[in-house]
Amino acid sequence: MMMKRGKIRMVGAAEGSGKSALQDALALELGQGWIVVEHDDVFIPERRAKTAELAGVGQNSHEFGQRRNVSRPLAFQSVLKGLCDRGLNVIGMGRFHNIFRERNGVPLWIKMYKEDFRGYDFDLLYFLVVPENGDSWRLSGSELGIVRSSGQQSTDGADRVEQAIRRRLAAREQTSSRQSETSRRSGFYRKQIAPVVHSHKEFGLPVCSYPLVTSPQEFAKTLAYVVKR
């Protein structure tokens, strides 16, 4: 008798958005039967052991094995499918910046629905950090501003988000030179989420807002409700 497959959900967010802080809170909120795997957990040795144990598979098993000569995005997809085939409901978290590249005018994440995860109960969503409830993102040229519920546009809110994320990344500088470089890049957060907003507007990418003042535990409740659907 074949084991019933679980569900696969991919949750994306830009660098510095709080994925690591959200991971444990989301796993706790979802409860038994779900596993939350962050992209780096599959490829960094010290995290890999913990994730393999949590998933109940060996580090060198087929489900959790690293594939040589296979790109990381494809290897990560393979891990998610392997866990799902064991009956686990699995959430894969990461930046997933490559999925917004377009081929023949269509982003790669749409191909994932139609081809890569065909036959699976699969869904993808992205979350954005925004200043506060009632605000929304608006893409204007190459810049992102905040549109308040009153209809007035402001860059102050976007700057607050940028500064908060910059502080988060700067705190990691002692362990990662790449984080240090990223946190000093001007307007890096707006540039990261510009293709997300474009994909949301043009192709219907599911997006959740994560207000800056919201704790990971609070947002995990909203996210858990969305991914369980």
C-alpha atoms as a PDB file:
ATOM      1  CA  MET A   1       0.000   0.000   0.000  1.00  0.00           C
ATOM      2  CA  MET A   2       1.458   3.320  -1.063  1.00  0.00           C
ATOM      3  CA  MET A   3       1.931   5.996   1.570  1.00  0.00           C
ATOM      4  CA  LYS A   4      -0.282   9.014   1.062  1.00  0.00           C
ATOM      5  CA  ARG A   5       1.702  12.049   0.016  1.00  0.00           C
ATOM      6  CA  GLY A   6       1.803  15.117   2.181  1.00  0.00           C
ATOM      7  CA  LYS A   7       1.553  18.732   1.105  1.00  0.00           C
ATOM      8  CA  ILE A   8       4.343  20.965  -0.164  1.00  0.00           C
ATOM      9  CA  ARG A   9       4.381  24.695   0.491  1.00  0.00           C
ATOM     10  CA  MET A  10       7.210  27.024  -0.474  1.00  0.00           C
ATOM     11  CA  VAL A  11       7.423  30.274   1.484  1.00  0.00           C
ATOM     12  CA  GLY A  12       9.758  32.922   0.096  1.00  0.00           C
ATOM     13  CA  ALA A  13      11.059  36.168   1.549  1.00  0.00           C
ATOM     14  CA  ALA A  14      13.890  38.570   0.821  1.00  0.00           C
ATOM     15  CA  GLU A  15      17.160  38.402   2.738  1.00  0.00           C
ATOM     16  CA  GLY A  16      16.819  39.894   6.212  1.00  0.00           C
ATOM     17  CA  SER A  17      13.030  39.468   6.343  1.00  0.00           C
ATOM     18  CA  GLY A  18      13.150  37.194   9.392  1.00  0.00           C
ATOM     19  CA  LYS A  19      12.852  33.706   7.885  1.00  0.00           C
ATOM     20  CA  SER A  20      15.103  32.126  10.510  1.00  0.00           C
ATOM     21  CA  ALA A  21      13.174  33.706  13.398  1.00  0.00           C
ATOM     22  CA  LEU A  22       9.906  32.638  11.791  1.00  0.00           C
ATOM     23  CA  GLN A  23      10.950  29.040  11.165  1.00  0.00           C
ATOM     24  CA  ASP A  24      10.595  27.725  14.734  1.00  0.00           C
ATOM     25  CA  ALA A  25       7.475  29.794  15.424  1.00  0.00           C
ATOM     26  CA  LEU A  26       5.800  28.478  12.280  1.00  0.00           C
ATOM     27  CA  ALA A  27       6.709  24.853  13.044  1.00  0.00           C
ATOM     28  CA  LEU A  28       5.242  25.249  16.548  1.00  0.00           C
ATOM     29  CA  GLU A  29       2.065  26.832  15.186  1.00  0.00           C
ATOM     30  CA  LEU A  30       1.558  24.129  12.545  1.00  0.00           C
ATOM     31  CA  GLY A  31       2.110  21.289  14.982  1.00  0.00           C
ATOM     32  CA  GLN A  32       2.581  17.576  14.397  1.00  0.00           C
ATOM     33  CA  GLY A  33       2.655  16.333  10.817  1.00  0.00           C
ATOM     34  CA  TRP A  34       4.451  19.393   9.436  1.00  0.00           C
ATOM     35  CA  ILE A  35       8.135  20.073   8.993  1.00  0.00           C
ATOM     36  CA  VAL A  36       9.638  23.460   8.168  1.00  0.00           C
ATOM     37  CA  VAL A  37      12.898  23.330   6.201  1.00  0.00           C
ATOM     38  CA  GLU A  38      14.918  26.428   5.383  1.00  0.00           C
ATOM     39  CA  HIS A  39      16.925  26.317   2.172  1.00  0.00           C
ATOM     40  CA  ASP A  40      20.283  26.664   3.934  1.00  0.00           C
ATOM     41  CA  ASP A  41      19.399  23.823   6.315  1.00  0.00           C
ATOM     42  CA  VAL A  42      19.820  21.403   3.426  1.00  0.00           C
ATOM     43  CA  PHE A  43      23.288  22.583   2.432  1.00  0.00           C
ATOM     44  CA  ILE A  44      25.042  23.738   5.634  1.00  0.00           C
ATOM     45  CA  PRO A  45      26.431  20.670   7.487  1.00  0.00           C
ATOM     46  CA  GLU A  46      25.658  21.761  11.064  1.00  0.00           C
ATOM     47  CA  ARG A  47      22.038  22.559  10.156  1.00  0.00           C
ATOM     48  CA  ARG A  48      21.646  19.562   7.883  1.00  0.00           C
ATOM     49  CA  ALA A  49      22.015  17.042  10.726  1.00  0.00           C
ATOM     50  CA  LYS A  50      19.279  18.701  12.792  1.00  0.00           C
ATOM     51  CA  THR A  51      16.887  18.892   9.847  1.00  0.00           C
ATOM     52  CA  ALA A  52      17.489  15.268   8.839  1.00  0.00           C
ATOM     53  CA  GLU A  53      16.735  14.171  12.398  1.00  0.00           C
ATOM     54  CA  LEU A  54      13.574  16.271  12.495  1.00  0.00           C
ATOM     55  CA  ALA A  55      12.416  14.777   9.192  1.00  0.00           C
ATOM     56  CA  GLY A  56      13.146  11.254  10.390  1.00  0.00           C
ATOM     57  CA  VAL A  57      15.495  10.437   7.507  1.00  0.00           C
ATOM     58  CA  GLY A  58      19.194   9.749   7.250  1.00  0.00           C
ATOM     59  CA  GLN A  59      21.482  12.551   6.105  1.00  0.00           C
ATOM     60  CA  ASN A  60      22.604  10.419   3.172  1.00  0.00           C
ATOM     61  CA  SER A  61      19.198   8.980   2.328  1.00  0.00           C
ATOM     62  CA  HIS A  62      17.648   9.330  -1.096  1.00  0.00           C
ATOM     63  CA  GLU A  63      15.076  11.786   0.264  1.00  0.00           C
ATOM     64  CA  PHE A  64      17.654  14.011   1.898  1.00  0.00           C
ATOM     65  CA  GLY A  65      20.740  13.339  -0.196  1.00  0.00           C
ATOM     66  CA  GLN A  66      22.741  16.113  -1.814  1.00  0.00           C
ATOM     67  CA  ARG A  67      22.855  15.606  -5.563  1.00  0.00           C
ATOM     68  CA  ARG A  68      26.165  16.142  -7.292  1.00  0.00           C
ATOM     69  CA  ASN A  69      26.098  18.185 -10.477  1.00  0.00           C
ATOM     70  CA  VAL A  70      22.564  19.344  -9.663  1.00  0.00           C
ATOM     71  CA  SER A  71      21.792  22.990  -9.026  1.00  0.00           C
ATOM     72  CA  ARG A  72      20.779  23.923  -5.505  1.00  0.00           C
ATOM     73  CA  PRO A  73      17.225  24.965  -6.478  1.00  0.00           C
ATOM     74  CA  LEU A  74      16.616  21.551  -8.081  1.00  0.00           C
ATOM     75  CA  ALA A  75      18.264  19.724  -5.174  1.00  0.00           C
ATOM     76  CA  PHE A  76      16.055  21.608  -2.726  1.00  0.00           C
ATOM     77  CA  GLN A  77      12.952  20.728  -4.739  1.00  0.00           C
ATOM     78  CA  SER A  78      14.051  17.089  -4.658  1.00  0.00           C
ATOM     79  CA  VAL A  79      14.332  17.175  -0.860  1.00  0.00           C
ATOM     80  CA  LEU A  80      10.848  18.670  -0.523  1.00  0.00           C
ATOM     81  CA  LYS A  81       9.381  15.992  -2.793  1.00  0.00           C
ATOM     82  CA  GLY A  82      11.208  13.242  -0.942  1.00  0.00           C
ATOM     83  CA  LEU A  83       9.843  14.338   2.423  1.00  0.00           C
ATOM     84  CA  CYS A  84       6.377  14.773   0.950  1.00  0.00           C
ATOM     85  CA  ASP A  85       6.520  11.244  -0.527  1.00  0.00           C
ATOM     86  CA  ARG A  86       7.105   9.946   3.029  1.00  0.00           C
ATOM     87  CA  GLY A  87       3.751  11.436   4.040  1.00  0.00           C
ATOM     88  CA  LEU A  88       5.082  14.626   5.637  1.00  0.00           C
ATOM     89  CA  ASN A  89       3.558  18.025   5.081  1.00  0.00           C
ATOM     90  CA  VAL A  90       6.621  20.118   4.320  1.00  0.00           C
ATOM     91  CA  ILE A  91       7.296  23.828   4.105  1.00  0.00           C
ATOM     92  CA  GLY A  92      10.423  24.968   2.294  1.00  0.00           C
ATOM     93  CA  MET A  93      11.596  28.481   3.124  1.00  0.00           C
ATOM     94  CA  GLY A  94      14.168  30.566   1.264  1.00  0.00           C
ATOM     95  CA  ARG A  95      14.897  33.635  -0.838  1.00  0.00           C
ATOM     96  CA  PHE A  96      13.951  31.879  -4.091  1.00  0.00           C
ATOM     97  CA  HIS A  97      15.059  34.935  -6.091  1.00  0.00           C
ATOM     98  CA  ASN A  98      15.587  32.824  -9.229  1.00  0.00           C
ATOM     99  CA  ILE A  99      11.921  31.887  -9.543  1.00  0.00           C
ATOM    100  CA  PHE A 100      11.042  35.367 -10.823  1.00  0.00           C
ATOM    101  CA  ARG A 101      13.166  35.046 -13.939  1.00  0.00           C
ATOM    102  CA  GLU A 102      10.921  34.985 -16.963  1.00  0.00           C
ATOM    103  CA  ARG A 103      11.025  32.673 -19.955  1.00  0.00           C
ATOM    104  CA  ASN A 104       8.880  33.728 -22.887  1.00  0.00           C
ATOM    105  CA  GLY A 105       7.256  36.300 -20.617  1.00  0.00           C
ATOM    106  CA  VAL A 106       6.290  33.796 -17.916  1.00  0.00           C
ATOM    107  CA  PRO A 107       8.069  33.576 -14.519  1.00  0.00           C
ATOM    108  CA  LEU A 108       9.661  30.282 -13.497  1.00  0.00           C
ATOM    109  CA  TRP A 109       7.402  29.900 -10.458  1.00  0.00           C
ATOM    110  CA  ILE A 110       4.459  29.279 -12.793  1.00  0.00           C
ATOM    111  CA  LYS A 111       6.477  26.486 -14.442  1.00  0.00           C
ATOM    112  CA  MET A 112       6.924  24.991 -10.963  1.00  0.00           C
ATOM    113  CA  TYR A 113       3.145  24.643 -10.628  1.00  0.00           C
ATOM    114  CA  LYS A 114       2.725  23.153 -14.089  1.00  0.00           C
ATOM    115  CA  GLU A 115       5.812  20.940 -14.315  1.00  0.00           C
ATOM    116  CA  ASP A 116       8.220  20.643 -11.372  1.00  0.00           C
ATOM    117  CA  PHE A 117       5.543  19.888  -8.758  1.00  0.00           C
ATOM    118  CA  ARG A 118       2.902  18.480 -11.061  1.00  0.00           C
ATOM    119  CA  GLY A 119       0.904  15.790  -9.260  1.00  0.00           C
ATOM    120  CA  TYR A 120       1.728  17.212  -5.813  1.00  0.00           C
ATOM    121  CA  ASP A 121      -0.456  19.284  -3.493  1.00  0.00           C
ATOM    122  CA  PHE A 122       1.805  22.280  -3.988  1.00  0.00           C
ATOM    123  CA  ASP A 123       1.507  26.001  -3.361  1.00  0.00           C
ATOM    124  CA  LEU A 124       3.901  28.915  -3.211  1.00  0.00           C
ATOM    125  CA  LEU A 125       3.647  32.249  -1.437  1.00  0.00           C
ATOM    126  CA  TYR A 126       5.933  35.128  -0.612  1.00  0.00           C
ATOM    127  CA  PHE A 127       5.890  37.489   2.328  1.00  0.00           C
ATOM    128  CA  LEU A 128       6.982  41.110   2.480  1.00  0.00           C
ATOM    129  CA  VAL A 129       7.962  43.226   5.461  1.00  0.00           C
ATOM    130  CA  VAL A 130       5.901  46.432   5.470  1.00  0.00           C
ATOM    131  CA  PRO A 131       5.847  49.386   7.904  1.00  0.00           C
ATOM    132  CA  GLU A 132       2.440  48.890   9.492  1.00  0.00           C
ATOM    133  CA  ASN A 133      -1.063  47.607   8.913  1.00  0.00           C
ATOM    134  CA  GLY A 134      -3.089  49.508   6.359  1.00  0.00           C
ATOM    135  CA  ASP A 135      -0.089  50.253   4.129  1.00  0.00           C
ATOM    136  CA  SER A 136       0.671  48.584   0.813  1.00  0.00           C
ATOM    137  CA  TRP A 137       3.553  48.477  -1.629  1.00  0.00           C
ATOM    138  CA  ARG A 138       3.447  50.305  -4.943  1.00  0.00           C
ATOM    139  CA  LEU A 139       5.981  49.853  -7.693  1.00  0.00           C
ATOM    140  CA  SER A 140       6.831  53.039  -9.558  1.00  0.00           C
ATOM    141  CA  GLY A 141       9.631  52.703 -12.083  1.00  0.00           C
ATOM    142  CA  SER A 142      12.529  51.067 -10.265  1.00  0.00           C
ATOM    143  CA  GLU A 143      11.561  52.424  -6.828  1.00  0.00           C
ATOM    144  CA  LEU A 144       9.176  51.060  -4.244  1.00  0.00           C
ATOM    145  CA  GLY A 145       7.221  53.415  -2.045  1.00  0.00           C
ATOM    146  CA  ILE A 146       4.522  52.972   0.550  1.00  0.00           C
ATOM    147  CA  VAL A 147       0.922  53.868  -0.182  1.00  0.00           C
ATOM    148  CA  ARG A 148      -0.979  54.635   2.986  1.00  0.00           C
ATOM    149  CA  SER A 149      -4.636  53.741   3.382  1.00  0.00           C
ATOM    150  CA  SER A 150      -5.373  57.435   2.865  1.00  0.00           C
ATOM    151  CA  GLY A 151      -3.970  57.103  -0.671  1.00  0.00           C
ATOM    152  CA  GLN A 152      -0.944  59.284   0.008  1.00  0.00           C
ATOM    153  CA  GLN A 153       2.387  57.875  -1.083  1.00  0.00           C
ATOM    154  CA  SER A 154       5.381  58.013   1.239  1.00  0.00           C
ATOM    155  CA  THR A 155       8.958  56.746   1.098  1.00  0.00           C
ATOM    156  CA  ASP A 156       9.421  57.172   4.871  1.00  0.00           C
ATOM    157  CA  GLY A 157       7.789  53.838   5.605  1.00  0.00           C
ATOM    158  CA  ALA A 158       9.912  52.013   3.058  1.00  0.00           C
ATOM    159  CA  ASP A 159      12.993  53.625   4.560  1.00  0.00           C
ATOM    160  CA  ARG A 160      11.993  52.384   8.033  1.00  0.00           C
ATOM    161  CA  VAL A 161      11.722  48.842   6.750  1.00  0.00           C
ATOM    162  CA  GLU A 162      15.035  49.158   4.940  1.00  0.00           C
ATOM    163  CA  GLN A 163      16.777  50.425   8.072  1.00  0.00           C
ATOM    164  CA  ALA A 164      15.307  47.680  10.257  1.00  0.00           C
ATOM    165  CA  ILE A 165      16.432  44.973   7.863  1.00  0.00           C
ATOM    166  CA  ARG A 166      19.836  46.608   7.517  1.00  0.00           C
ATOM    167  CA  ARG A 167      20.218  46.402  11.314  1.00  0.00           C
ATOM    168  CA  ARG A 168      19.305  42.718  11.276  1.00  0.00           C
ATOM    169  CA  LEU A 169      21.890  41.946   8.624  1.00  0.00           C
ATOM    170  CA  ALA A 170      24.548  44.092  10.261  1.00  0.00           C
ATOM    171  CA  ALA A 171      24.137  42.003  13.423  1.00  0.00           C
ATOM    172  CA  ARG A 172      25.285  38.955  11.435  1.00  0.00           C
ATOM    173  CA  GLU A 173      28.479  40.570  10.180  1.00  0.00           C
ATOM    174  CA  GLN A 174      30.687  38.746  12.670  1.00  0.00           C
ATOM    175  CA  THR A 175      29.877  35.397  11.099  1.00  0.00           C
ATOM    176  CA  SER A 176      29.303  36.248   7.434  1.00  0.00           C
ATOM    177  CA  SER A 177      31.188  38.683   5.229  1.00  0.00           C
ATOM    178  CA  ARG A 178      28.467  38.277   2.602  1.00  0.00           C
ATOM    179  CA  GLN A 179      25.877  39.576   5.048  1.00  0.00           C
ATOM    180  CA  SER A 180      28.101  42.559   5.761  1.00  0.00           C
ATOM    181  CA  GLU A 181      28.350  43.383   2.080  1.00  0.00           C
ATOM    182  CA  THR A 182      24.601  42.978   1.573  1.00  0.00           C
ATOM    183  CA  SER A 183      23.637  45.167   4.514  1.00  0.00           C
ATOM    184  CA  ARG A 184      25.617  48.100   3.128  1.00  0.00           C
ATOM    185  CA  ARG A 185      24.061  47.986  -0.322  1.00  0.00           C
ATOM    186  CA  SER A 186      21.878  51.020  -0.970  1.00  0.00           C
ATOM    187  CA  GLY A 187      18.193  50.222  -1.427  1.00  0.00           C
ATOM    188  CA  PHE A 188      18.898  46.478  -1.435  1.00  0.00           C
ATOM    189  CA  TYR A 189      15.547  45.484   0.090  1.00  0.00           C
ATOM    190  CA  ARG A 190      13.481  47.450  -2.402  1.00  0.00           C
ATOM    191  CA  LYS A 191      15.482  45.943  -5.245  1.00  0.00           C
ATOM    192  CA  GLN A 192      14.972  42.427  -3.883  1.00  0.00           C
ATOM    193  CA  ILE A 193      11.215  42.722  -3.636  1.00  0.00           C
ATOM    194  CA  ALA A 194      10.643  44.670  -6.871  1.00  0.00           C
ATOM    195  CA  PRO A 195      10.304  41.437  -8.933  1.00  0.00           C
ATOM    196  CA  VAL A 196       8.025  40.011  -6.224  1.00  0.00           C
ATOM    197  CA  VAL A 197       5.653  42.952  -6.450  1.00  0.00           C
ATOM    198  CA  HIS A 198       5.770  42.818 -10.249  1.00  0.00           C
ATOM    199  CA  SER A 199       4.962  39.096 -10.219  1.00  0.00           C
ATOM    200  CA  HIS A 200       2.140  39.691  -7.754  1.00  0.00           C
ATOM    201  CA  LYS A 201       0.578  42.400  -9.914  1.00  0.00           C
ATOM    202  CA  GLU A 202       1.092  40.778 -13.311  1.00  0.00           C
ATOM    203  CA  PHE A 203       0.759  37.057 -12.591  1.00  0.00           C
ATOM    204  CA  GLY A 204      -1.116  36.764  -9.288  1.00  0.00           C
ATOM    205  CA  LEU A 205       1.717  35.553  -7.065  1.00  0.00           C
ATOM    206  CA  PRO A 206       0.248  35.005  -3.558  1.00  0.00           C
ATOM    207  CA  VAL A 207       1.777  37.549  -1.163  1.00  0.00           C
ATOM    208  CA  CYS A 208       1.376  38.103   2.595  1.00  0.00           C
ATOM    209  CA  SER A 209       2.331  41.304   4.413  1.00  0.00           C
ATOM    210  CA  TYR A 210       4.414  41.135   7.580  1.00  0.00           C
ATOM    211  CA  PRO A 211       4.111  44.482   9.450  1.00  0.00           C
ATOM    212  CA  LEU A 212       7.398  45.612  10.961  1.00  0.00           C
ATOM    213  CA  VAL A 213       5.935  45.746  14.488  1.00  0.00           C
ATOM    214  CA  THR A 214       4.593  42.172  14.311  1.00  0.00           C
ATOM    215  CA  SER A 215       6.483  39.454  16.182  1.00  0.00           C
ATOM    216  CA  PRO A 216       7.397  36.192  14.405  1.00  0.00           C
ATOM    217  CA  GLN A 217       4.989  34.375  16.737  1.00  0.00           C
ATOM    218  CA  GLU A 218       2.082  36.613  15.686  1.00  0.00           C
ATOM    219  CA  PHE A 219       2.847  36.367  11.988  1.00  0.00           C
ATOM    220  CA  ALA A 220       3.290  32.591  12.244  1.00  0.00           C
ATOM    221  CA  LYS A 221      -0.421  32.316  13.119  1.00  0.00           C
ATOM    222  CA  THR A 222      -1.409  34.096   9.904  1.00  0.00           C
ATOM    223  CA  LEU A 223       1.070  32.139   7.809  1.00  0.00           C
ATOM    224  CA  ALA A 224       0.028  28.794   9.309  1.00  0.00           C
ATOM    225  CA  TYR A 225      -3.588  29.474   8.350  1.00  0.00           C
ATOM    226  CA  VAL A 226      -2.593  30.311   4.761  1.00  0.00           C
ATOM    227  CA  VAL A 227      -0.323  27.314   4.163  1.00  0.00           C
ATOM    228  CA  LYS A 228      -2.785  24.788   5.598  1.00  0.00           C
ATOM    229  CA  ARG A 229      -5.425  25.667   3.035  1.00  0.00           C
END
